[in-house]
């Protein structure tokens, strides 16, 4: 399912117009993004949690030249599935 199909599903399930469903989805994504940017986690009970993790600095190899390069530390978004989502899939 891609974003357009998700908007169609939201519109049909919630009896909204596609434009309203698109705005609602964008607002949800923006809210999650802003919270993660601020270093907060977002928990959706029964679905899962979005958290910010850290990746340590490390050395890597340029596949084209074989030269060693330094890869800087970074913050990365992570998703942990909740029990409700796991049960729905299995």
N, C-alpha and C. Protein backbone atom coordinates (compact mmCIF):
# COMPACT_ATOMS: atom_id res chain seq x y z
N UNK A 1 0.85 -1.17 0.00
CA UNK A 1 0.00 0.00 0.00
C UNK A 1 0.90 1.23 0.00
N UNK A 2 0.61 2.16 -0.90
CA UNK A 2 1.36 3.40 -0.92
C UNK A 2 0.53 4.52 -0.30
N UNK A 3 1.05 5.74 -0.30
CA UNK A 3 0.39 6.85 0.37
C UNK A 3 -0.98 7.15 -0.24
N UNK A 4 -1.09 7.11 -1.55
CA UNK A 4 -2.37 7.39 -2.22
C UNK A 4 -3.42 6.35 -1.84
N UNK A 5 -3.02 5.10 -1.81
CA UNK A 5 -3.94 4.03 -1.44
C UNK A 5 -4.35 4.16 0.03
N UNK A 6 -3.42 4.58 0.87
CA UNK A 6 -3.74 4.80 2.28
C UNK A 6 -4.74 5.94 2.44
N UNK A 7 -4.57 7.01 1.69
CA UNK A 7 -5.52 8.13 1.73
C UNK A 7 -6.89 7.67 1.28
N UNK A 8 -6.96 6.87 0.22
CA UNK A 8 -8.24 6.34 -0.24
C UNK A 8 -8.89 5.47 0.84
N UNK A 9 -8.11 4.65 1.51
CA UNK A 9 -8.63 3.78 2.57
C UNK A 9 -9.16 4.61 3.74
N UNK A 10 -8.41 5.63 4.15
CA UNK A 10 -8.85 6.51 5.24
C UNK A 10 -10.14 7.21 4.86
N UNK A 11 -10.21 7.73 3.64
CA UNK A 11 -11.40 8.44 3.18
C UNK A 11 -12.62 7.54 3.20
N UNK A 12 -12.46 6.32 2.74
CA UNK A 12 -13.58 5.39 2.69
C UNK A 12 -13.98 4.93 4.09
N UNK A 13 -13.00 4.60 4.93
CA UNK A 13 -13.29 4.08 6.27
C UNK A 13 -13.90 5.12 7.19
N UNK A 14 -13.44 6.36 7.09
CA UNK A 14 -13.90 7.42 7.99
C UNK A 14 -14.98 8.29 7.37
N UNK A 15 -15.43 7.94 6.17
CA UNK A 15 -16.47 8.70 5.47
C UNK A 15 -16.05 10.17 5.32
N UNK A 16 -14.84 10.36 4.80
CA UNK A 16 -14.30 11.70 4.56
C UNK A 16 -14.03 11.86 3.08
N UNK A 17 -13.85 13.12 2.67
CA UNK A 17 -13.40 13.35 1.30
C UNK A 17 -11.92 13.00 1.21
N UNK A 18 -11.44 12.75 0.01
CA UNK A 18 -10.03 12.41 -0.15
C UNK A 18 -9.15 13.57 0.28
N UNK A 19 -9.58 14.78 0.05
CA UNK A 19 -8.80 15.95 0.45
C UNK A 19 -8.69 16.03 1.98
N UNK A 20 -9.78 15.77 2.66
CA UNK A 20 -9.76 15.79 4.13
C UNK A 20 -8.89 14.65 4.67
N UNK A 21 -8.99 13.50 4.06
CA UNK A 21 -8.18 12.36 4.49
C UNK A 21 -6.70 12.64 4.26
N UNK A 22 -6.36 13.28 3.15
CA UNK A 22 -4.97 13.63 2.86
C UNK A 22 -4.44 14.62 3.88
N UNK A 23 -5.26 15.63 4.23
CA UNK A 23 -4.84 16.61 5.25
C UNK A 23 -4.66 15.94 6.60
N UNK A 24 -5.54 15.01 6.96
CA UNK A 24 -5.43 14.31 8.23
C UNK A 24 -4.17 13.46 8.28
N UNK A 25 -3.87 12.76 7.20
CA UNK A 25 -2.67 11.93 7.15
C UNK A 25 -1.42 12.81 7.23
N UNK A 26 -1.39 13.90 6.50
CA UNK A 26 -0.25 14.83 6.53
C UNK A 26 -0.06 15.40 7.93
N UNK A 27 -1.17 15.75 8.60
CA UNK A 27 -1.08 16.28 9.96
C UNK A 27 -0.51 15.24 10.91
N UNK A 28 -0.92 13.99 10.77
CA UNK A 28 -0.40 12.92 11.62
C UNK A 28 1.10 12.71 11.38
N UNK A 29 1.49 12.68 10.13
CA UNK A 29 2.91 12.50 9.80
C UNK A 29 3.73 13.67 10.31
N UNK A 30 3.22 14.89 10.14
CA UNK A 30 3.92 16.08 10.62
C UNK A 30 4.06 16.06 12.14
N UNK A 31 3.01 15.64 12.84
CA UNK A 31 3.06 15.56 14.30
C UNK A 31 4.10 14.56 14.78
N UNK A 32 4.15 13.41 14.14
CA UNK A 32 5.14 12.39 14.50
C UNK A 32 6.55 12.91 14.21
N UNK A 33 6.73 13.54 13.05
CA UNK A 33 8.04 14.07 12.67
C UNK A 33 8.52 15.13 13.65
N UNK A 34 7.65 16.06 14.01
CA UNK A 34 8.02 17.13 14.94
C UNK A 34 8.39 16.57 16.32
N UNK A 35 7.64 15.59 16.78
CA UNK A 35 7.94 14.98 18.08
C UNK A 35 9.29 14.28 18.05
N UNK A 36 9.57 13.54 16.99
CA UNK A 36 10.85 12.85 16.87
C UNK A 36 11.99 13.85 16.76
N UNK A 37 11.77 14.94 16.03
CA UNK A 37 12.79 15.97 15.88
C UNK A 37 13.13 16.58 17.24
N UNK A 38 12.13 16.70 18.12
CA UNK A 38 12.34 17.25 19.46
C UNK A 38 12.93 16.21 20.42
N UNK A 39 13.14 14.98 19.94
CA UNK A 39 13.73 13.94 20.77
C UNK A 39 12.72 13.17 21.59
N UNK A 40 11.44 13.36 21.34
CA UNK A 40 10.38 12.66 22.07
C UNK A 40 9.99 11.39 21.32
N UNK A 41 9.40 10.46 22.02
CA UNK A 41 8.88 9.27 21.37
C UNK A 41 7.38 9.45 21.17
N UNK A 42 6.82 8.71 20.22
CA UNK A 42 5.39 8.74 19.94
C UNK A 42 4.86 7.33 20.11
N UNK A 43 3.92 7.14 21.04
CA UNK A 43 3.36 5.82 21.31
C UNK A 43 1.90 5.78 20.89
N UNK A 44 1.56 4.84 20.05
CA UNK A 44 0.19 4.61 19.64
C UNK A 44 -0.20 3.24 20.21
N UNK A 45 -0.95 3.24 21.30
CA UNK A 45 -1.28 2.03 22.03
C UNK A 45 -1.95 1.02 21.10
N UNK A 46 -1.45 -0.18 21.09
CA UNK A 46 -1.98 -1.24 20.24
C UNK A 46 -1.36 -1.27 18.86
N UNK A 47 -0.66 -0.21 18.47
CA UNK A 47 -0.05 -0.16 17.14
C UNK A 47 1.46 -0.24 17.24
N UNK A 48 2.07 0.70 17.98
CA UNK A 48 3.52 0.69 18.12
C UNK A 48 4.05 2.02 18.58
N UNK A 49 5.36 2.12 18.60
CA UNK A 49 6.03 3.33 19.07
C UNK A 49 7.09 3.76 18.07
N UNK A 50 7.16 5.06 17.86
CA UNK A 50 8.22 5.66 17.07
C UNK A 50 9.20 6.27 18.06
N UNK A 51 10.48 5.95 17.94
CA UNK A 51 11.50 6.46 18.84
C UNK A 51 12.70 6.93 18.02
N UNK A 52 13.54 7.76 18.66
CA UNK A 52 14.76 8.22 18.03
C UNK A 52 15.91 7.41 18.61
N UNK A 53 16.68 6.79 17.75
CA UNK A 53 17.86 6.04 18.16
C UNK A 53 19.10 6.78 17.70
N UNK A 54 20.24 6.34 18.17
CA UNK A 54 21.50 6.94 17.75
C UNK A 54 22.37 5.88 17.10
N UNK A 55 23.07 6.32 16.10
CA UNK A 55 24.03 5.44 15.42
C UNK A 55 25.41 6.03 15.65
N UNK A 56 26.30 5.26 16.20
CA UNK A 56 27.64 5.74 16.53
C UNK A 56 28.46 6.03 15.27
N UNK A 57 29.45 6.89 15.43
CA UNK A 57 30.37 7.16 14.33
C UNK A 57 31.18 5.89 14.06
N UNK A 58 31.51 5.68 12.80
CA UNK A 58 32.26 4.48 12.45
C UNK A 58 33.04 4.72 11.16
N UNK A 59 33.92 3.81 10.85
CA UNK A 59 34.65 3.92 9.59
C UNK A 59 34.02 2.96 8.60
N UNK A 60 34.02 3.36 7.36
CA UNK A 60 33.44 2.55 6.30
C UNK A 60 34.37 2.51 5.11
N UNK A 61 33.91 1.90 4.05
CA UNK A 61 34.74 1.78 2.86
C UNK A 61 33.95 2.25 1.65
N UNK A 62 34.59 3.09 0.87
CA UNK A 62 33.99 3.56 -0.38
C UNK A 62 34.01 2.39 -1.36
N UNK A 63 32.84 1.91 -1.80
CA UNK A 63 32.83 0.72 -2.66
C UNK A 63 33.46 0.97 -4.04
N UNK A 64 33.48 2.21 -4.47
CA UNK A 64 34.03 2.50 -5.80
C UNK A 64 35.56 2.51 -5.77
N UNK A 65 36.13 3.16 -4.75
CA UNK A 65 37.59 3.30 -4.71
C UNK A 65 38.26 2.37 -3.71
N UNK A 66 37.50 1.87 -2.75
CA UNK A 66 38.09 1.02 -1.72
C UNK A 66 38.72 1.81 -0.60
N UNK A 67 38.66 3.14 -0.67
CA UNK A 67 39.27 3.98 0.35
C UNK A 67 38.44 3.96 1.63
N UNK A 68 39.11 4.07 2.77
CA UNK A 68 38.42 4.12 4.06
C UNK A 68 37.90 5.53 4.28
N UNK A 69 36.63 5.63 4.72
CA UNK A 69 36.03 6.93 4.99
C UNK A 69 35.44 6.91 6.40
N UNK A 70 35.30 8.10 6.98
CA UNK A 70 34.68 8.22 8.30
C UNK A 70 33.21 8.55 8.13
N UNK A 71 32.36 7.80 8.79
CA UNK A 71 30.92 8.03 8.76
C UNK A 71 30.55 8.62 10.10
N UNK A 72 29.96 9.81 10.08
CA UNK A 72 29.65 10.51 11.33
C UNK A 72 28.45 9.89 12.05
N UNK A 73 28.35 10.20 13.34
CA UNK A 73 27.23 9.73 14.14
C UNK A 73 25.94 10.36 13.63
N UNK A 74 24.81 9.67 13.83
CA UNK A 74 23.54 10.18 13.35
C UNK A 74 22.40 9.73 14.25
N UNK A 75 21.33 10.52 14.24
CA UNK A 75 20.09 10.12 14.88
C UNK A 75 19.24 9.44 13.82
N UNK A 76 18.62 8.32 14.19
CA UNK A 76 17.81 7.57 13.23
C UNK A 76 16.44 7.27 13.82
N UNK A 77 15.38 7.36 13.01
CA UNK A 77 14.06 6.99 13.52
C UNK A 77 13.91 5.48 13.54
N UNK A 78 13.22 4.98 14.57
CA UNK A 78 12.98 3.55 14.69
C UNK A 78 11.51 3.34 15.03
N UNK A 79 10.98 2.20 14.59
CA UNK A 79 9.61 1.84 14.90
C UNK A 79 9.62 0.50 15.60
N UNK A 80 8.89 0.44 16.71
CA UNK A 80 8.73 -0.82 17.44
C UNK A 80 7.25 -1.19 17.41
N UNK A 81 6.95 -2.30 16.81
CA UNK A 81 5.56 -2.74 16.68
C UNK A 81 5.00 -3.12 18.05
N UNK A 82 3.75 -2.75 18.28
CA UNK A 82 3.07 -3.09 19.52
C UNK A 82 2.41 -4.45 19.46
N UNK A 83 1.94 -4.91 20.59
CA UNK A 83 1.33 -6.24 20.70
C UNK A 83 0.11 -6.38 19.79
N UNK A 84 -0.73 -5.34 19.73
CA UNK A 84 -1.92 -5.40 18.89
C UNK A 84 -1.60 -5.59 17.43
N UNK A 85 -0.58 -4.90 16.94
CA UNK A 85 -0.16 -5.04 15.55
C UNK A 85 0.44 -6.41 15.29
N UNK A 86 1.27 -6.87 16.22
CA UNK A 86 1.87 -8.21 16.07
C UNK A 86 0.80 -9.29 16.05
N UNK A 87 -0.20 -9.18 16.94
CA UNK A 87 -1.28 -10.16 16.99
C UNK A 87 -2.13 -10.12 15.72
N UNK A 88 -2.34 -8.94 15.16
CA UNK A 88 -3.17 -8.82 13.96
C UNK A 88 -2.49 -9.46 12.75
N UNK A 89 -1.17 -9.44 12.74
CA UNK A 89 -0.43 -10.01 11.62
C UNK A 89 -0.33 -11.53 11.73
N UNK A 90 -0.16 -12.00 12.95
CA UNK A 90 0.00 -13.44 13.15
C UNK A 90 -1.31 -14.04 13.39
